[in-house]
Amino acid sequence: MNETERAIVALREENLAVRGLVANKLTPSPDPDETGRGGRYLRERVETEATRLETIRSEFDPPLVAEIGWRSAEITGDLLADVADELDIETAAEQPTHV
């Protein structure tokens, strides 16, 4: 979260608008019958992430606009377009307002 706060400040110092935040690579919850060490780890991680997301929702400006679960591949290319469609976000670059 500290890195996100610093990034928002740095972007705003350069007069770049930050209109919303996206939480990425969120950990999937384990199945209820997963009781081993891996299941416990995932439950703890999901709980930690939930706490952090609540902090972001209540304390950050700009708002959290989307949450993306963990994917096995980087979100680039066609996968980026798929995720953008899921989130209903335009990915085309906007024309500059001034040069």
PDB file of N, CA and C in Angstrom:
ATOM      1  N   MET A   1       0.820  -1.187   0.000  1.00  0.00           N
ATOM      2  CA  MET A   1       0.000   0.000   0.000  1.00  0.00           C
ATOM      3  C   MET A   1       0.865   1.253   0.000  1.00  0.00           C
ATOM      4  N   ASN A   2       2.007   1.204   0.690  1.00  0.00           N
ATOM      5  CA  ASN A   2       2.891   2.364   0.704  1.00  0.00           C
ATOM      6  C   ASN A   2       3.383   2.699  -0.696  1.00  0.00           C
ATOM      7  N   GLU A   3       3.704   1.666  -1.458  1.00  0.00           N
ATOM      8  CA  GLU A   3       4.165   1.875  -2.832  1.00  0.00           C
ATOM      9  C   GLU A   3       3.065   2.524  -3.678  1.00  0.00           C
ATOM     10  N   THR A   4       1.841   2.110  -3.465  1.00  0.00           N
ATOM     11  CA  THR A   4       0.715   2.692  -4.203  1.00  0.00           C
ATOM     12  C   THR A   4       0.536   4.156  -3.836  1.00  0.00           C
ATOM     13  N   GLU A   5       0.621   4.462  -2.554  1.00  0.00           N
ATOM     14  CA  GLU A   5       0.505   5.860  -2.121  1.00  0.00           C
ATOM     15  C   GLU A   5       1.590   6.720  -2.751  1.00  0.00           C
ATOM     16  N   ARG A   6       2.829   6.218  -2.750  1.00  0.00           N
ATOM     17  CA  ARG A   6       3.936   6.973  -3.354  1.00  0.00           C
ATOM     18  C   ARG A   6       3.713   7.167  -4.850  1.00  0.00           C
ATOM     19  N   ALA A   7       3.215   6.138  -5.519  1.00  0.00           N
ATOM     20  CA  ALA A   7       2.969   6.239  -6.962  1.00  0.00           C
ATOM     21  C   ALA A   7       1.891   7.283  -7.261  1.00  0.00           C
ATOM     22  N   ILE A   8       0.834   7.305  -6.469  1.00  0.00           N
ATOM     23  CA  ILE A   8      -0.237   8.290  -6.672  1.00  0.00           C
ATOM     24  C   ILE A   8       0.319   9.701  -6.517  1.00  0.00           C
ATOM     25  N   VAL A   9       1.092   9.922  -5.466  1.00  0.00           N
ATOM     26  CA  VAL A   9       1.687  11.237  -5.231  1.00  0.00           C
ATOM     27  C   VAL A   9       2.598  11.623  -6.392  1.00  0.00           C
ATOM     28  N   ALA A  10       3.457  10.708  -6.817  1.00  0.00           N
ATOM     29  CA  ALA A  10       4.396  10.997  -7.908  1.00  0.00           C
ATOM     30  C   ALA A  10       3.659  11.329  -9.206  1.00  0.00           C
ATOM     31  N   LEU A  11       2.619  10.581  -9.515  1.00  0.00           N
ATOM     32  CA  LEU A  11       1.855  10.849 -10.732  1.00  0.00           C
ATOM     33  C   LEU A  11       1.162  12.205 -10.656  1.00  0.00           C
ATOM     34  N   ARG A  12       0.592  12.518  -9.520  1.00  0.00           N
ATOM     35  CA  ARG A  12      -0.086  13.810  -9.368  1.00  0.00           C
ATOM     36  C   ARG A  12       0.898  14.966  -9.428  1.00  0.00           C
ATOM     37  N   GLU A  13       2.106  14.768  -8.909  1.00  0.00           N
ATOM     38  CA  GLU A  13       3.131  15.812  -8.999  1.00  0.00           C
ATOM     39  C   GLU A  13       3.491  16.116 -10.448  1.00  0.00           C
ATOM     40  N   GLU A  14       3.294  15.155 -11.321  1.00  0.00           N
ATOM     41  CA  GLU A  14       3.551  15.334 -12.757  1.00  0.00           C
ATOM     42  C   GLU A  14       2.273  15.718 -13.509  1.00  0.00           C
ATOM     43  N   ASN A  15       1.249  16.112 -12.753  1.00  0.00           N
ATOM     44  CA  ASN A  15      -0.049  16.503 -13.317  1.00  0.00           C
ATOM     45  C   ASN A  15      -0.705  15.394 -14.132  1.00  0.00           C
ATOM     46  N   LEU A  16      -0.521  14.160 -13.694  1.00  0.00           N
ATOM     47  CA  LEU A  16      -1.171  13.012 -14.319  1.00  0.00           C
ATOM     48  C   LEU A  16      -2.321  12.566 -13.420  1.00  0.00           C
ATOM     49  N   ALA A  17      -3.499  12.494 -13.993  1.00  0.00           N
ATOM     50  CA  ALA A  17      -4.684  12.131 -13.220  1.00  0.00           C
ATOM     51  C   ALA A  17      -4.697  10.636 -12.918  1.00  0.00           C
ATOM     52  N   VAL A  18      -5.051  10.317 -11.703  1.00  0.00           N
ATOM     53  CA  VAL A  18      -5.273   8.924 -11.300  1.00  0.00           C
ATOM     54  C   VAL A  18      -6.749   8.846 -10.939  1.00  0.00           C
ATOM     55  N   ARG A  19      -7.522   8.192 -11.809  1.00  0.00           N
ATOM     56  CA  ARG A  19      -8.977   8.194 -11.632  1.00  0.00           C
ATOM     57  C   ARG A  19      -9.494   6.989 -10.877  1.00  0.00           C
ATOM     58  N   GLY A  20      -8.673   5.961 -10.733  1.00  0.00           N
ATOM     59  CA  GLY A  20      -9.124   4.779 -10.021  1.00  0.00           C
ATOM     60  C   GLY A  20      -7.990   3.799  -9.828  1.00  0.00           C
ATOM     61  N   LEU A  21      -8.142   2.945  -8.843  1.00  0.00           N
ATOM     62  CA  LEU A  21      -7.145   1.925  -8.525  1.00  0.00           C
ATOM     63  C   LEU A  21      -7.694   0.544  -8.850  1.00  0.00           C
ATOM     64  N   VAL A  22      -6.812  -0.338  -9.258  1.00  0.00           N
ATOM     65  CA  VAL A  22      -7.173  -1.724  -9.528  1.00  0.00           C
ATOM     66  C   VAL A  22      -6.305  -2.608  -8.644  1.00  0.00           C
ATOM     67  N   ALA A  23      -6.925  -3.440  -7.842  1.00  0.00           N
ATOM     68  CA  ALA A  23      -6.198  -4.428  -7.036  1.00  0.00           C
ATOM     69  C   ALA A  23      -5.988  -5.654  -7.917  1.00  0.00           C
ATOM     70  N   ASN A  24      -4.740  -6.049  -8.067  1.00  0.00           N
ATOM     71  CA  ASN A  24      -4.368  -7.107  -8.999  1.00  0.00           C
ATOM     72  C   ASN A  24      -3.745  -8.283  -8.252  1.00  0.00           C
ATOM     73  N   LYS A  25      -3.823  -9.445  -8.827  1.00  0.00           N
ATOM     74  CA  LYS A  25      -3.201 -10.665  -8.302  1.00  0.00           C
ATOM     75  C   LYS A  25      -3.730 -11.045  -6.921  1.00  0.00           C
ATOM     76  N   LEU A  26      -5.037 -10.910  -6.745  1.00  0.00           N
ATOM     77  CA  LEU A  26      -5.633 -11.288  -5.465  1.00  0.00           C
ATOM     78  C   LEU A  26      -5.657 -12.807  -5.333  1.00  0.00           C
ATOM     79  N   THR A  27      -5.323 -13.276  -4.157  1.00  0.00           N
ATOM     80  CA  THR A  27      -5.199 -14.702  -3.879  1.00  0.00           C
ATOM     81  C   THR A  27      -6.562 -15.387  -3.890  1.00  0.00           C
ATOM     82  N   PRO A  28      -6.665 -16.530  -4.548  1.00  0.00           N
ATOM     83  CA  PRO A  28      -7.935 -17.271  -4.526  1.00  0.00           C
ATOM     84  C   PRO A  28      -8.136 -17.956  -3.175  1.00  0.00           C
ATOM     85  N   SER A  29      -9.375 -18.026  -2.741  1.00  0.00           N
ATOM     86  CA  SER A  29      -9.684 -18.743  -1.500  1.00  0.00           C
ATOM     87  C   SER A  29      -9.575 -20.246  -1.741  1.00  0.00           C
ATOM     88  N   PRO A  30      -9.040 -20.972  -0.769  1.00  0.00           N
ATOM     89  CA  PRO A  30      -8.975 -22.428  -0.927  1.00  0.00           C
ATOM     90  C   PRO A  30     -10.359 -23.046  -0.739  1.00  0.00           C
ATOM     91  N   ASP A  31     -10.526 -24.248  -1.232  1.00  0.00           N
ATOM     92  CA  ASP A  31     -11.773 -24.974  -1.012  1.00  0.00           C
ATOM     93  C   ASP A  31     -11.922 -25.271   0.479  1.00  0.00           C
ATOM     94  N   PRO A  32     -13.161 -25.354   0.982  1.00  0.00           N
ATOM     95  CA  PRO A  32     -13.384 -25.599   2.408  1.00  0.00           C
ATOM     96  C   PRO A  32     -12.714 -26.866   2.934  1.00  0.00           C
ATOM     97  N   ASP A  33     -12.563 -27.881   2.085  1.00  0.00           N
ATOM     98  CA  ASP A  33     -11.968 -29.137   2.553  1.00  0.00           C
ATOM     99  C   ASP A  33     -10.437 -29.123   2.546  1.00  0.00           C
ATOM    100  N   GLU A  34      -9.840 -28.016   2.114  1.00  0.00           N
ATOM    101  CA  GLU A  34      -8.379 -27.917   2.129  1.00  0.00           C
ATOM    102  C   GLU A  34      -7.941 -27.476   3.520  1.00  0.00           C
ATOM    103  N   THR A  35      -7.407 -28.425   4.290  1.00  0.00           N
ATOM    104  CA  THR A  35      -7.062 -28.140   5.684  1.00  0.00           C
ATOM    105  C   THR A  35      -5.569 -28.203   5.955  1.00  0.00           C
ATOM    106  N   GLY A  36      -4.777 -28.502   4.960  1.00  0.00           N
ATOM    107  CA  GLY A  36      -3.332 -28.604   5.144  1.00  0.00           C
ATOM    108  C   GLY A  36      -2.677 -27.240   5.247  1.00  0.00           C
ATOM    109  N   ARG A  37      -1.356 -27.268   5.283  1.00  0.00           N
ATOM    110  CA  ARG A  37      -0.573 -26.046   5.432  1.00  0.00           C
ATOM    111  C   ARG A  37      -0.863 -25.055   4.302  1.00  0.00           C
ATOM    112  N   GLY A  38      -0.988 -25.558   3.065  1.00  0.00           N
ATOM    113  CA  GLY A  38      -1.289 -24.685   1.934  1.00  0.00           C
ATOM    114  C   GLY A  38      -2.634 -24.003   2.072  1.00  0.00           C
ATOM    115  N   GLY A  39      -3.638 -24.758   2.510  1.00  0.00           N
ATOM    116  CA  GLY A  39      -4.961 -24.186   2.720  1.00  0.00           C
ATOM    117  C   GLY A  39      -4.951 -23.116   3.799  1.00  0.00           C
ATOM    118  N   ARG A  40      -4.235 -23.400   4.897  1.00  0.00           N
ATOM    119  CA  ARG A  40      -4.135 -22.412   5.982  1.00  0.00           C
ATOM    120  C   ARG A  40      -3.432 -21.151   5.492  1.00  0.00           C
ATOM    121  N   TYR A  41      -2.360 -21.331   4.728  1.00  0.00           N
ATOM    122  CA  TYR A  41      -1.618 -20.188   4.185  1.00  0.00           C
ATOM    123  C   TYR A  41      -2.536 -19.329   3.311  1.00  0.00           C
ATOM    124  N   LEU A  42      -3.268 -19.975   2.405  1.00  0.00           N
ATOM    125  CA  LEU A  42      -4.150 -19.223   1.515  1.00  0.00           C
ATOM    126  C   LEU A  42      -5.228 -18.476   2.294  1.00  0.00           C
ATOM    127  N   ARG A  43      -5.804 -19.115   3.316  1.00  0.00           N
ATOM    128  CA  ARG A  43      -6.832 -18.438   4.119  1.00  0.00           C
ATOM    129  C   ARG A  43      -6.258 -17.204   4.814  1.00  0.00           C
ATOM    130  N   GLU A  44      -5.062 -17.331   5.381  1.00  0.00           N
ATOM    131  CA  GLU A  44      -4.426 -16.191   6.044  1.00  0.00           C
ATOM    132  C   GLU A  44      -4.129 -15.078   5.042  1.00  0.00           C
ATOM    133  N   ARG A  45      -3.660 -15.456   3.878  1.00  0.00           N
ATOM    134  CA  ARG A  45      -3.337 -14.466   2.845  1.00  0.00           C
ATOM    135  C   ARG A  45      -4.606 -13.754   2.366  1.00  0.00           C
ATOM    136  N   VAL A  46      -5.678 -14.502   2.144  1.00  0.00           N
ATOM    137  CA  VAL A  46      -6.949 -13.910   1.721  1.00  0.00           C
ATOM    138  C   VAL A  46      -7.446 -12.940   2.792  1.00  0.00           C
ATOM    139  N   GLU A  47      -7.317 -13.312   4.057  1.00  0.00           N
ATOM    140  CA  GLU A  47      -7.745 -12.439   5.154  1.00  0.00           C
ATOM    141  C   GLU A  47      -6.915 -11.157   5.183  1.00  0.00           C
ATOM    142  N   THR A  48      -5.601 -11.283   5.021  1.00  0.00           N
ATOM    143  CA  THR A  48      -4.725 -10.110   4.985  1.00  0.00           C
ATOM    144  C   THR A  48      -5.101  -9.196   3.827  1.00  0.00           C
ATOM    145  N   GLU A  49      -5.325  -9.779   2.658  1.00  0.00           N
ATOM    146  CA  GLU A  49      -5.708  -8.983   1.493  1.00  0.00           C
ATOM    147  C   GLU A  49      -7.044  -8.285   1.720  1.00  0.00           C
ATOM    148  N   ALA A  50      -7.992  -8.957   2.345  1.00  0.00           N
ATOM    149  CA  ALA A  50      -9.303  -8.356   2.614  1.00  0.00           C
ATOM    150  C   ALA A  50      -9.154  -7.135   3.518  1.00  0.00           C
ATOM    151  N   THR A  51      -8.288  -7.235   4.522  1.00  0.00           N
ATOM    152  CA  THR A  51      -8.038  -6.107   5.421  1.00  0.00           C
ATOM    153  C   THR A  51      -7.426  -4.943   4.653  1.00  0.00           C
ATOM    154  N   ARG A  52      -6.458  -5.237   3.808  1.00  0.00           N
ATOM    155  CA  ARG A  52      -5.812  -4.181   3.019  1.00  0.00           C
ATOM    156  C   ARG A  52      -6.786  -3.543   2.036  1.00  0.00           C
ATOM    157  N   LEU A  53      -7.615  -4.355   1.409  1.00  0.00           N
ATOM    158  CA  LEU A  53      -8.601  -3.802   0.476  1.00  0.00           C
ATOM    159  C   LEU A  53      -9.580  -2.882   1.193  1.00  0.00           C
ATOM    160  N   GLU A  54      -9.977  -3.246   2.399  1.00  0.00           N
ATOM    161  CA  GLU A  54     -10.879  -2.388   3.169  1.00  0.00           C
ATOM    162  C   GLU A  54     -10.202  -1.058   3.495  1.00  0.00           C
ATOM    163  N   THR A  55      -8.922  -1.103   3.840  1.00  0.00           N
ATOM    164  CA  THR A  55      -8.171   0.131   4.092  1.00  0.00           C
ATOM    165  C   THR A  55      -8.131   0.990   2.836  1.00  0.00           C
ATOM    166  N   ILE A  56      -7.859   0.377   1.703  1.00  0.00           N
ATOM    167  CA  ILE A  56      -7.819   1.121   0.441  1.00  0.00           C
ATOM    168  C   ILE A  56      -9.183   1.743   0.150  1.00  0.00           C
ATOM    169  N   ARG A  57     -10.245   0.989   0.340  1.00  0.00           N
ATOM    170  CA  ARG A  57     -11.599   1.509   0.079  1.00  0.00           C
ATOM    171  C   ARG A  57     -11.933   2.703   0.976  1.00  0.00           C
ATOM    172  N   SER A  58     -11.503   2.656   2.220  1.00  0.00           N
ATOM    173  CA  SER A  58     -11.896   3.693   3.173  1.00  0.00           C
ATOM    174  C   SER A  58     -10.935   4.876   3.234  1.00  0.00           C
ATOM    175  N   GLU A  59      -9.667   4.685   2.849  1.00  0.00           N
ATOM    176  CA  GLU A  59      -8.684   5.742   3.066  1.00  0.00           C
ATOM    177  C   GLU A  59      -8.056   6.318   1.804  1.00  0.00           C
ATOM    178  N   PHE A  60      -8.146   5.623   0.690  1.00  0.00           N
ATOM    179  CA  PHE A  60      -7.446   6.080  -0.504  1.00  0.00           C
ATOM    180  C   PHE A  60      -8.341   6.943  -1.382  1.00  0.00           C
ATOM    181  N   ASP A  61      -7.719   7.919  -2.010  1.00  0.00           N
ATOM    182  CA  ASP A  61      -8.326   8.691  -3.077  1.00  0.00           C
ATOM    183  C   ASP A  61      -7.301   8.688  -4.194  1.00  0.00           C
ATOM    184  N   PRO A  62      -7.579   8.110  -5.278  1.00  0.00           N
ATOM    185  CA  PRO A  62      -8.820   7.742  -5.930  1.00  0.00           C
ATOM    186  C   PRO A  62      -9.402   6.427  -5.412  1.00  0.00           C
ATOM    187  N   PRO A  63     -10.630   6.134  -5.841  1.00  0.00           N
ATOM    188  CA  PRO A  63     -11.305   4.927  -5.360  1.00  0.00           C
ATOM    189  C   PRO A  63     -10.784   3.641  -6.000  1.00  0.00           C
ATOM    190  N   LEU A  64     -11.031   2.555  -5.314  1.00  0.00           N
ATOM    191  CA  LEU A  64     -10.772   1.221  -5.866  1.00  0.00           C
ATOM    192  C   LEU A  64     -11.894   0.932  -6.851  1.00  0.00           C
ATOM    193  N   VAL A  65     -11.535   0.738  -8.125  1.00  0.00           N
ATOM    194  CA  VAL A  65     -12.567   0.555  -9.148  1.00  0.00           C
ATOM    195  C   VAL A  65     -12.702  -0.884  -9.610  1.00  0.00           C
ATOM    196  N   ALA A  66     -11.701  -1.721  -9.304  1.00  0.00           N
ATOM    197  CA  ALA A  66     -11.778  -3.110  -9.765  1.00  0.00           C
ATOM    198  C   ALA A  66     -10.836  -3.988  -8.960  1.00  0.00           C
ATOM    199  N   GLU A  67     -11.181  -5.266  -8.927  1.00  0.00           N
ATOM    200  CA  GLU A  67     -10.344  -6.278  -8.288  1.00  0.00           C
ATOM    201  C   GLU A  67     -10.130  -7.405  -9.287  1.00  0.00           C
ATOM    202  N   ILE A  68      -8.873  -7.793  -9.458  1.00  0.00           N
ATOM    203  CA  ILE A  68      -8.530  -8.856 -10.400  1.00  0.00           C
ATOM    204  C   ILE A  68      -7.898  -9.997  -9.618  1.00  0.00           C
ATOM    205  N   GLY A  69      -8.468 -11.168  -9.756  1.00  0.00           N
ATOM    206  CA  GLY A  69      -7.915 -12.346  -9.103  1.00  0.00           C
ATOM    207  C   GLY A  69      -6.586 -12.761  -9.707  1.00  0.00           C
ATOM    208  N   TRP A  70      -5.891 -13.621  -9.000  1.00  0.00           N
ATOM    209  CA  TRP A  70      -4.597 -14.127  -9.446  1.00  0.00           C
ATOM    210  C   TRP A  70      -4.768 -14.875 -10.754  1.00  0.00           C
ATOM    211  N   ARG A  71      -3.876 -14.612 -11.686  1.00  0.00           N
ATOM    212  CA  ARG A  71      -3.857 -15.316 -12.978  1.00  0.00           C
ATOM    213  C   ARG A  71      -2.524 -16.025 -13.099  1.00  0.00           C
ATOM    214  N   SER A  72      -2.486 -17.107 -13.838  1.00  0.00           N
ATOM    215  CA  SER A  72      -1.246 -17.873 -13.978  1.00  0.00           C
ATOM    216  C   SER A  72      -0.285 -17.240 -14.976  1.00  0.00           C
ATOM    217  N   ALA A  73      -0.737 -16.219 -15.697  1.00  0.00           N
ATOM    218  CA  ALA A  73       0.124 -15.542 -16.664  1.00  0.00           C
ATOM    219  C   ALA A  73       0.006 -14.034 -16.455  1.00  0.00           C
ATOM    220  N   GLU A  74       1.027 -13.302 -16.916  1.00  0.00           N
ATOM    221  CA  GLU A  74       0.977 -11.848 -16.857  1.00  0.00           C
ATOM    222  C   GLU A  74      -0.199 -11.351 -17.688  1.00  0.00           C
ATOM    223  N   ILE A  75      -0.802 -10.274 -17.240  1.00  0.00           N
ATOM    224  CA  ILE A  75      -1.947  -9.719 -17.953  1.00  0.00           C
ATOM    225  C   ILE A  75      -1.425  -8.762 -19.021  1.00  0.00           C
ATOM    226  N   THR A  76      -1.164  -9.323 -20.201  1.00  0.00           N
ATOM    227  CA  THR A  76      -0.694  -8.562 -21.351  1.00  0.00           C
ATOM    228  C   THR A  76      -1.403  -9.083 -22.595  1.00  0.00           C
ATOM    229  N   GLY A  77      -1.285  -8.338 -23.676  1.00  0.00           N
ATOM    230  CA  GLY A  77      -1.818  -8.795 -24.957  1.00  0.00           C
ATOM    231  C   GLY A  77      -3.294  -9.128 -24.903  1.00  0.00           C
ATOM    232  N   ASP A  78      -3.635 -10.301 -25.438  1.00  0.00           N
ATOM    233  CA  ASP A  78      -5.039 -10.723 -25.497  1.00  0.00           C
ATOM    234  C   ASP A  78      -5.651 -10.860 -24.111  1.00  0.00           C
ATOM    235  N   LEU A  79      -4.856 -11.322 -23.136  1.00  0.00           N
ATOM    236  CA  LEU A  79      -5.377 -11.457 -21.777  1.00  0.00           C
ATOM    237  C   LEU A  79      -5.734 -10.088 -21.201  1.00  0.00           C
ATOM    238  N   LEU A  80      -4.946  -9.063 -21.522  1.00  0.00           N
ATOM    239  CA  LEU A  80      -5.259  -7.707 -21.077  1.00  0.00           C
ATOM    240  C   LEU A  80      -6.600  -7.257 -21.649  1.00  0.00           C
ATOM    241  N   ALA A  81      -6.821  -7.526 -22.918  1.00  0.00           N
ATOM    242  CA  ALA A  81      -8.098  -7.167 -23.541  1.00  0.00           C
ATOM    243  C   ALA A  81      -9.252  -7.917 -22.878  1.00  0.00           C
ATOM    244  N   ASP A  82      -9.046  -9.193 -22.555  1.00  0.00           N
ATOM    245  CA  ASP A  82     -10.086  -9.980 -21.882  1.00  0.00           C
ATOM    246  C   ASP A  82     -10.415  -9.395 -20.513  1.00  0.00           C
ATOM    247  N   VAL A  83      -9.372  -9.055 -19.750  1.00  0.00           N
ATOM    248  CA  VAL A  83      -9.582  -8.485 -18.413  1.00  0.00           C
ATOM    249  C   VAL A  83     -10.271  -7.128 -18.532  1.00  0.00           C
ATOM    250  N   ALA A  84      -9.856  -6.314 -19.486  1.00  0.00           N
ATOM    251  CA  ALA A  84     -10.490  -5.008 -19.689  1.00  0.00           C
ATOM    252  C   ALA A  84     -11.967  -5.178 -20.019  1.00  0.00           C
ATOM    253  N   ASP A  85     -12.294  -6.174 -20.842  1.00  0.00           N
ATOM    254  CA  ASP A  85     -13.703  -6.442 -21.153  1.00  0.00           C
ATOM    255  C   ASP A  85     -14.477  -6.825 -19.897  1.00  0.00           C
ATOM    256  N   GLU A  86     -13.864  -7.662 -19.048  1.00  0.00           N
ATOM    257  CA  GLU A  86     -14.517  -8.061 -17.797  1.00  0.00           C
ATOM    258  C   GLU A  86     -14.772  -6.851 -16.908  1.00  0.00           C
ATOM    259  N   LEU A  87     -13.824  -5.920 -16.904  1.00  0.00           N
ATOM    260  CA  LEU A  87     -13.917  -4.748 -16.042  1.00  0.00           C
ATOM    261  C   LEU A  87     -14.666  -3.598 -16.702  1.00  0.00           C
ATOM    262  N   ASP A  88     -14.947  -3.725 -17.995  1.00  0.00           N
ATOM    263  CA  ASP A  88     -15.589  -2.674 -18.774  1.00  0.00           C
ATOM    264  C   ASP A  88     -14.756  -1.400 -18.739  1.00  0.00           C
ATOM    265  N   ILE A  89     -13.461  -1.543 -19.043  1.00  0.00           N
ATOM    266  CA  ILE A  89     -12.527  -0.423 -19.053  1.00  0.00           C
ATOM    267  C   ILE A  89     -11.965  -0.272 -20.455  1.00  0.00           C
ATOM    268  N   GLU A  90     -11.913   0.953 -20.937  1.00  0.00           N
ATOM    269  CA  GLU A  90     -11.351   1.240 -22.256  1.00  0.00           C
ATOM    270  C   GLU A  90      -9.829   1.193 -22.170  1.00  0.00           C
ATOM    271  N   THR A  91      -9.197   0.449 -23.072  1.00  0.00           N
ATOM    272  CA  THR A  91      -7.739   0.326 -23.041  1.00  0.00           C
ATOM    273  C   THR A  91      -7.051   1.122 -24.136  1.00  0.00           C
ATOM    274  N   ALA A  92      -7.803   1.741 -25.025  1.00  0.00           N
ATOM    275  CA  ALA A  92      -7.184   2.533 -26.084  1.00  0.00           C
ATOM    276  C   ALA A  92      -6.597   3.806 -25.489  1.00  0.00           C
ATOM    277  N   ALA A  93      -5.469   4.223 -26.015  1.00  0.00           N
ATOM    278  CA  ALA A  93      -4.818   5.441 -25.532  1.00  0.00           C
ATOM    279  C   ALA A  93      -5.646   6.654 -25.925  1.00  0.00           C
ATOM    280  N   GLU A  94      -5.746   7.606 -25.001  1.00  0.00           N
ATOM    281  CA  GLU A  94      -6.451   8.847 -25.284  1.00  0.00           C
ATOM    282  C   GLU A  94      -5.506   9.804 -25.993  1.00  0.00           C
ATOM    283  N   GLN A  95      -6.063  10.671 -26.825  1.00  0.00           N
ATOM    284  CA  GLN A  95      -5.266  11.698 -27.480  1.00  0.00           C
ATOM    285  C   GLN A  95      -4.792  12.691 -26.427  1.00  0.00           C
ATOM    286  N   PRO A  96      -3.563  13.184 -26.547  1.00  0.00           N
ATOM    287  CA  PRO A  96      -3.071  14.174 -25.584  1.00  0.00           C
ATOM    288  C   PRO A  96      -3.929  15.436 -25.620  1.00  0.00           C
ATOM    289  N   THR A  97      -4.116  16.040 -24.461  1.00  0.00           N
ATOM    290  CA  THR A  97      -4.893  17.274 -24.401  1.00  0.00           C
ATOM    291  C   THR A  97      -4.029  18.489 -24.698  1.00  0.00           C
ATOM    292  N   HIS A  98      -2.708  18.360 -24.528  1.00  0.00           N
ATOM    293  CA  HIS A  98      -1.778  19.433 -24.887  1.00  0.00           C
ATOM    294  C   HIS A  98      -0.399  18.834 -25.105  1.00  0.00           C
ATOM    295  N   VAL A  99       0.418  19.569 -25.817  1.00  0.00           N
ATOM    296  CA  VAL A  99       1.775  19.078 -26.110  1.00  0.00           C
ATOM    297  C   VAL A  99       2.785  20.036 -25.560  1.00  0.00           C
TER     298      VAL A  99
END
